[in-house]
């Protein structure tokens, strides 16, 4: 580091936990994320939730993770060994993202189109990509759990435009990928 450069940082100021939580949420709202739906079969019917926390973890073994609130209904249906389908949403699937982000009655997703051949876990038709996985481990962390899943299949379905979420709203990428 050059002697001409000085790095200065104001000392942290004590603030309340509630205020820090609001600032924390605002800071992370600036992190652009792709939007997915994590889905599973619940008594033979589609159930799922919108997730921006889906991450590739490992190539050996093939593993992904997502985070889920421990107070959500979806959490209560996830156990080690559960099969899940992860659909990477296209920009045209914003309405599906909104639907899966809301609490709905059992059977409310019966009209959602499932991709052909989705047997182990539901995969949404029209998504950019699909991953089928089995829950390998659930790690509690605060009010959420980190769910590690072993991938059993993966398919790139479309070259469309990904649905992106940033600053509490959806965005369209302005350039071609």
C-alpha atoms as a PDB file:
ATOM      1  CA  UNK A   1       0.000   0.000   0.000  1.00  0.00           C
ATOM      2  CA  UNK A   2       1.357   3.412  -0.995  1.00  0.00           C
ATOM      3  CA  UNK A   3       2.202   5.884   1.756  1.00  0.00           C
ATOM      4  CA  UNK A   4       0.128   8.470  -0.198  1.00  0.00           C
ATOM      5  CA  UNK A   5      -3.065   6.553   0.482  1.00  0.00           C
ATOM      6  CA  UNK A   6      -4.766   6.859   3.821  1.00  0.00           C
ATOM      7  CA  UNK A   7      -7.630   4.595   4.719  1.00  0.00           C
ATOM      8  CA  UNK A   8      -9.969   6.248   7.191  1.00  0.00           C
ATOM      9  CA  UNK A   9     -13.030   4.807   8.806  1.00  0.00           C
ATOM     10  CA  UNK A  10     -15.272   6.426  11.326  1.00  0.00           C
ATOM     11  CA  UNK A  11     -15.677   4.349  14.457  1.00  0.00           C
ATOM     12  CA  UNK A  12     -18.922   2.425  14.686  1.00  0.00           C
ATOM     13  CA  UNK A  13     -21.576   4.336  16.558  1.00  0.00           C
ATOM     14  CA  UNK A  14     -23.740   2.428  18.989  1.00  0.00           C
ATOM     15  CA  UNK A  15     -27.258   2.008  17.616  1.00  0.00           C
ATOM     16  CA  UNK A  16     -30.251  -0.034  18.653  1.00  0.00           C
ATOM     17  CA  UNK A  17     -30.758  -3.583  17.407  1.00  0.00           C
ATOM     18  CA  UNK A  18     -33.944  -2.498  15.613  1.00  0.00           C
ATOM     19  CA  UNK A  19     -32.119   0.287  13.795  1.00  0.00           C
ATOM     20  CA  UNK A  20     -29.247  -2.023  12.850  1.00  0.00           C
ATOM     21  CA  UNK A  21     -31.790  -4.548  11.509  1.00  0.00           C
ATOM     22  CA  UNK A  22     -33.344  -1.867   9.264  1.00  0.00           C
ATOM     23  CA  UNK A  23     -29.922  -0.791   7.992  1.00  0.00           C
ATOM     24  CA  UNK A  24     -28.898  -4.419   7.434  1.00  0.00           C
ATOM     25  CA  UNK A  25     -32.055  -5.069   5.388  1.00  0.00           C
ATOM     26  CA  UNK A  26     -31.454  -1.899   3.369  1.00  0.00           C
ATOM     27  CA  UNK A  27     -27.839  -2.848   2.650  1.00  0.00           C
ATOM     28  CA  UNK A  28     -28.802  -6.345   1.455  1.00  0.00           C
ATOM     29  CA  UNK A  29     -31.671  -4.971  -0.630  1.00  0.00           C
ATOM     30  CA  UNK A  30     -28.926  -3.570  -2.865  1.00  0.00           C
ATOM     31  CA  UNK A  31     -27.568  -7.032  -3.672  1.00  0.00           C
ATOM     32  CA  UNK A  32     -29.027  -8.081  -7.025  1.00  0.00           C
ATOM     33  CA  UNK A  33     -30.114 -11.701  -7.075  1.00  0.00           C
ATOM     34  CA  UNK A  34     -31.607 -14.141  -9.513  1.00  0.00           C
ATOM     35  CA  UNK A  35     -35.066 -15.371  -8.551  1.00  0.00           C
ATOM     36  CA  UNK A  36     -35.950 -19.052  -8.122  1.00  0.00           C
ATOM     37  CA  UNK A  37     -38.887 -21.076  -6.933  1.00  0.00           C
ATOM     38  CA  UNK A  38     -38.060 -23.990  -4.650  1.00  0.00           C
ATOM     39  CA  UNK A  39     -40.870 -26.530  -4.964  1.00  0.00           C
ATOM     40  CA  UNK A  40     -41.846 -29.887  -3.529  1.00  0.00           C
ATOM     41  CA  UNK A  41     -44.767 -32.263  -3.579  1.00  0.00           C
ATOM     42  CA  UNK A  42     -47.038 -31.939  -0.540  1.00  0.00           C
ATOM     43  CA  UNK A  43     -49.623 -34.732  -0.386  1.00  0.00           C
ATOM     44  CA  UNK A  44     -49.353 -35.006  -4.184  1.00  0.00           C
ATOM     45  CA  UNK A  45     -49.867 -31.276  -4.777  1.00  0.00           C
ATOM     46  CA  UNK A  46     -47.442 -28.503  -5.672  1.00  0.00           C
ATOM     47  CA  UNK A  47     -46.031 -26.487  -2.774  1.00  0.00           C
ATOM     48  CA  UNK A  48     -43.124 -24.048  -2.789  1.00  0.00           C
ATOM     49  CA  UNK A  49     -41.651 -20.640  -2.136  1.00  0.00           C
ATOM     50  CA  UNK A  50     -39.731 -17.889  -3.897  1.00  0.00           C
ATOM     51  CA  UNK A  51     -36.013 -17.782  -3.071  1.00  0.00           C
ATOM     52  CA  UNK A  52     -33.193 -15.403  -3.929  1.00  0.00           C
ATOM     53  CA  UNK A  53     -30.781 -17.330  -1.714  1.00  0.00           C
ATOM     54  CA  UNK A  54     -30.078 -20.279  -4.043  1.00  0.00           C
ATOM     55  CA  UNK A  55     -26.329 -20.849  -4.364  1.00  0.00           C
ATOM     56  CA  UNK A  56     -24.089 -23.406  -6.038  1.00  0.00           C
ATOM     57  CA  UNK A  57     -21.928 -24.915  -3.278  1.00  0.00           C
ATOM     58  CA  UNK A  58     -19.835 -27.758  -4.671  1.00  0.00           C
ATOM     59  CA  UNK A  59     -19.028 -29.785  -7.778  1.00  0.00           C
ATOM     60  CA  UNK A  60     -17.941 -32.887  -5.811  1.00  0.00           C
ATOM     61  CA  UNK A  61     -20.538 -33.727  -4.725  1.00  0.00           C
ATOM     62  CA  UNK A  62     -22.876 -31.590  -6.843  1.00  0.00           C
ATOM     63  CA  UNK A  63     -24.522 -29.489  -4.150  1.00  0.00           C
ATOM     64  CA  UNK A  64     -26.667 -26.380  -3.853  1.00  0.00           C
ATOM     65  CA  UNK A  65     -28.084 -24.511  -0.904  1.00  0.00           C
ATOM     66  CA  UNK A  66     -30.969 -22.219  -0.169  1.00  0.00           C
ATOM     67  CA  UNK A  67     -32.191 -20.551   3.001  1.00  0.00           C
ATOM     68  CA  UNK A  68     -35.706 -20.755   4.392  1.00  0.00           C
ATOM     69  CA  UNK A  69     -37.394 -19.109   7.362  1.00  0.00           C
ATOM     70  CA  UNK A  70     -38.003 -21.541  10.207  1.00  0.00           C
ATOM     71  CA  UNK A  71     -41.443 -19.969  10.725  1.00  0.00           C
ATOM     72  CA  UNK A  72     -42.571 -20.567   7.144  1.00  0.00           C
ATOM     73  CA  UNK A  73     -45.022 -23.291   6.255  1.00  0.00           C
ATOM     74  CA  UNK A  74     -42.539 -24.562   3.651  1.00  0.00           C
ATOM     75  CA  UNK A  75     -39.938 -25.194   6.345  1.00  0.00           C
ATOM     76  CA  UNK A  76     -42.260 -27.598   8.116  1.00  0.00           C
ATOM     77  CA  UNK A  77     -42.403 -29.809   4.992  1.00  0.00           C
ATOM     78  CA  UNK A  78     -38.633 -29.993   4.426  1.00  0.00           C
ATOM     79  CA  UNK A  79     -36.698 -32.868   5.953  1.00  0.00           C
ATOM     80  CA  UNK A  80     -33.483 -34.679   5.108  1.00  0.00           C
ATOM     81  CA  UNK A  81     -34.284 -36.891   2.134  1.00  0.00           C
ATOM     82  CA  UNK A  82     -36.998 -34.566   0.761  1.00  0.00           C
ATOM     83  CA  UNK A  83     -36.844 -34.055  -3.015  1.00  0.00           C
ATOM     84  CA  UNK A  84     -36.994 -30.426  -4.162  1.00  0.00           C
ATOM     85  CA  UNK A  85     -37.193 -28.818  -7.574  1.00  0.00           C
ATOM     86  CA  UNK A  86     -35.464 -25.502  -8.139  1.00  0.00           C
ATOM     87  CA  UNK A  87     -36.668 -23.442 -11.098  1.00  0.00           C
ATOM     88  CA  UNK A  88     -34.612 -20.423 -12.198  1.00  0.00           C
ATOM     89  CA  UNK A  89     -37.238 -17.911 -13.277  1.00  0.00           C
ATOM     90  CA  UNK A  90     -37.435 -16.056 -16.571  1.00  0.00           C
ATOM     91  CA  UNK A  91     -38.320 -12.327 -16.613  1.00  0.00           C
ATOM     92  CA  UNK A  92     -41.776 -13.333 -17.892  1.00  0.00           C
ATOM     93  CA  UNK A  93     -42.422 -15.319 -14.682  1.00  0.00           C
ATOM     94  CA  UNK A  94     -42.661 -12.379 -12.302  1.00  0.00           C
ATOM     95  CA  UNK A  95     -46.278 -13.237 -11.454  1.00  0.00           C
ATOM     96  CA  UNK A  96     -45.189 -16.746 -10.415  1.00  0.00           C
ATOM     97  CA  UNK A  97     -42.489 -15.264  -8.202  1.00  0.00           C
ATOM     98  CA  UNK A  98     -45.091 -13.074  -6.499  1.00  0.00           C
ATOM     99  CA  UNK A  99     -47.479 -16.009  -6.029  1.00  0.00           C
ATOM    100  CA  UNK A 100     -44.863 -18.250  -4.459  1.00  0.00           C
ATOM    101  CA  UNK A 101     -43.698 -15.381  -2.218  1.00  0.00           C
ATOM    102  CA  UNK A 102     -47.140 -15.229  -0.578  1.00  0.00           C
ATOM    103  CA  UNK A 103     -48.757 -17.607   1.865  1.00  0.00           C
ATOM    104  CA  UNK A 104     -51.585 -19.418   0.088  1.00  0.00           C
ATOM    105  CA  UNK A 105     -54.090 -22.145   0.829  1.00  0.00           C
ATOM    106  CA  UNK A 106     -53.343 -25.813   0.172  1.00  0.00           C
ATOM    107  CA  UNK A 107     -53.990 -26.502  -3.523  1.00  0.00           C
ATOM    108  CA  UNK A 108     -53.617 -22.853  -4.577  1.00  0.00           C
ATOM    109  CA  UNK A 109     -50.898 -23.795  -7.086  1.00  0.00           C
ATOM    110  CA  UNK A 110     -52.915 -26.502  -8.833  1.00  0.00           C
ATOM    111  CA  UNK A 111     -53.096 -24.334 -11.987  1.00  0.00           C
ATOM    112  CA  UNK A 112     -49.305 -23.786 -12.213  1.00  0.00           C
ATOM    113  CA  UNK A 113     -47.819 -25.585 -15.205  1.00  0.00           C
ATOM    114  CA  UNK A 114     -45.219 -28.213 -14.355  1.00  0.00           C
ATOM    115  CA  UNK A 115     -42.418 -29.092 -16.792  1.00  0.00           C
ATOM    116  CA  UNK A 116     -42.774 -32.358 -18.684  1.00  0.00           C
ATOM    117  CA  UNK A 117     -40.934 -35.210 -17.015  1.00  0.00           C
ATOM    118  CA  UNK A 118     -40.833 -33.600 -13.532  1.00  0.00           C
ATOM    119  CA  UNK A 119     -41.522 -36.620 -11.348  1.00  0.00           C
ATOM    120  CA  UNK A 120     -39.144 -36.598  -8.386  1.00  0.00           C
ATOM    121  CA  UNK A 121     -39.897 -32.942  -7.624  1.00  0.00           C
ATOM    122  CA  UNK A 122     -41.973 -30.231  -9.318  1.00  0.00           C
ATOM    123  CA  UNK A 123     -40.215 -27.989 -11.846  1.00  0.00           C
ATOM    124  CA  UNK A 124     -41.992 -24.957 -13.289  1.00  0.00           C
ATOM    125  CA  UNK A 125     -42.630 -24.875 -17.025  1.00  0.00           C
ATOM    126  CA  UNK A 126     -41.001 -21.912 -18.794  1.00  0.00           C
ATOM    127  CA  UNK A 127     -38.098 -21.522 -16.351  1.00  0.00           C
ATOM    128  CA  UNK A 128     -34.587 -20.813 -17.626  1.00  0.00           C
ATOM    129  CA  UNK A 129     -33.182 -23.826 -15.820  1.00  0.00           C
ATOM    130  CA  UNK A 130     -34.161 -26.670 -13.533  1.00  0.00           C
ATOM    131  CA  UNK A 131     -32.351 -28.439 -10.730  1.00  0.00           C
ATOM    132  CA  UNK A 132     -33.714 -31.466  -8.913  1.00  0.00           C
ATOM    133  CA  UNK A 133     -32.063 -32.227  -5.589  1.00  0.00           C
ATOM    134  CA  UNK A 134     -32.453 -34.121  -2.334  1.00  0.00           C
ATOM    135  CA  UNK A 135     -32.133 -32.359   1.017  1.00  0.00           C
ATOM    136  CA  UNK A 136     -28.904 -33.616   2.589  1.00  0.00           C
ATOM    137  CA  UNK A 137     -28.604 -31.361   5.624  1.00  0.00           C
ATOM    138  CA  UNK A 138     -30.527 -28.591   7.370  1.00  0.00           C
ATOM    139  CA  UNK A 139     -28.451 -26.219   9.467  1.00  0.00           C
ATOM    140  CA  UNK A 140     -30.331 -23.868  11.817  1.00  0.00           C
ATOM    141  CA  UNK A 141     -28.947 -20.328  11.759  1.00  0.00           C
ATOM    142  CA  UNK A 142     -30.855 -17.671  13.670  1.00  0.00           C
ATOM    143  CA  UNK A 143     -34.446 -17.489  12.417  1.00  0.00           C
ATOM    144  CA  UNK A 144     -33.638 -19.334   9.162  1.00  0.00           C
ATOM    145  CA  UNK A 145     -32.121 -22.657   8.173  1.00  0.00           C
ATOM    146  CA  UNK A 146     -29.481 -23.281   5.545  1.00  0.00           C
ATOM    147  CA  UNK A 147     -30.661 -26.215   3.449  1.00  0.00           C
ATOM    148  CA  UNK A 148     -27.899 -28.173   1.678  1.00  0.00           C
ATOM    149  CA  UNK A 149     -29.099 -30.350  -1.203  1.00  0.00           C
ATOM    150  CA  UNK A 150     -27.417 -32.990  -3.340  1.00  0.00           C
ATOM    151  CA  UNK A 151     -28.211 -32.436  -7.026  1.00  0.00           C
ATOM    152  CA  UNK A 152     -29.767 -35.365  -8.896  1.00  0.00           C
ATOM    153  CA  UNK A 153     -30.445 -33.591 -12.209  1.00  0.00           C
ATOM    154  CA  UNK A 154     -29.873 -30.238 -13.901  1.00  0.00           C
ATOM    155  CA  UNK A 155     -31.199 -28.892 -17.194  1.00  0.00           C
ATOM    156  CA  UNK A 156     -30.698 -25.561 -18.972  1.00  0.00           C
ATOM    157  CA  UNK A 157     -34.125 -25.043 -20.524  1.00  0.00           C
ATOM    158  CA  UNK A 158     -34.063 -21.610 -22.193  1.00  0.00           C
ATOM    159  CA  UNK A 159     -31.838 -18.738 -23.253  1.00  0.00           C
ATOM    160  CA  UNK A 160     -34.367 -16.161 -22.017  1.00  0.00           C
ATOM    161  CA  UNK A 161     -33.710 -13.262 -19.682  1.00  0.00           C
ATOM    162  CA  UNK A 162     -33.392 -14.007 -15.957  1.00  0.00           C
ATOM    163  CA  UNK A 163     -35.738 -12.437 -13.429  1.00  0.00           C
ATOM    164  CA  UNK A 164     -33.610 -10.259 -11.129  1.00  0.00           C
ATOM    165  CA  UNK A 165     -34.564  -8.794  -7.747  1.00  0.00           C
ATOM    166  CA  UNK A 166     -32.809  -5.751  -6.280  1.00  0.00           C
ATOM    167  CA  UNK A 167     -33.847  -2.829  -4.042  1.00  0.00           C
ATOM    168  CA  UNK A 168     -37.128  -4.556  -3.223  1.00  0.00           C
ATOM    169  CA  UNK A 169     -38.307  -4.746  -6.828  1.00  0.00           C
ATOM    170  CA  UNK A 170     -37.811  -6.746 -10.010  1.00  0.00           C
ATOM    171  CA  UNK A 171     -35.447  -5.686 -12.767  1.00  0.00           C
ATOM    172  CA  UNK A 172     -34.662  -6.563 -16.364  1.00  0.00           C
ATOM    173  CA  UNK A 173     -31.059  -6.875 -17.455  1.00  0.00           C
ATOM    174  CA  UNK A 174     -30.305  -4.115 -19.963  1.00  0.00           C
ATOM    175  CA  UNK A 175     -27.795  -6.116 -21.981  1.00  0.00           C
ATOM    176  CA  UNK A 176     -27.638  -9.518 -23.550  1.00  0.00           C
ATOM    177  CA  UNK A 177     -26.069 -12.323 -21.581  1.00  0.00           C
END
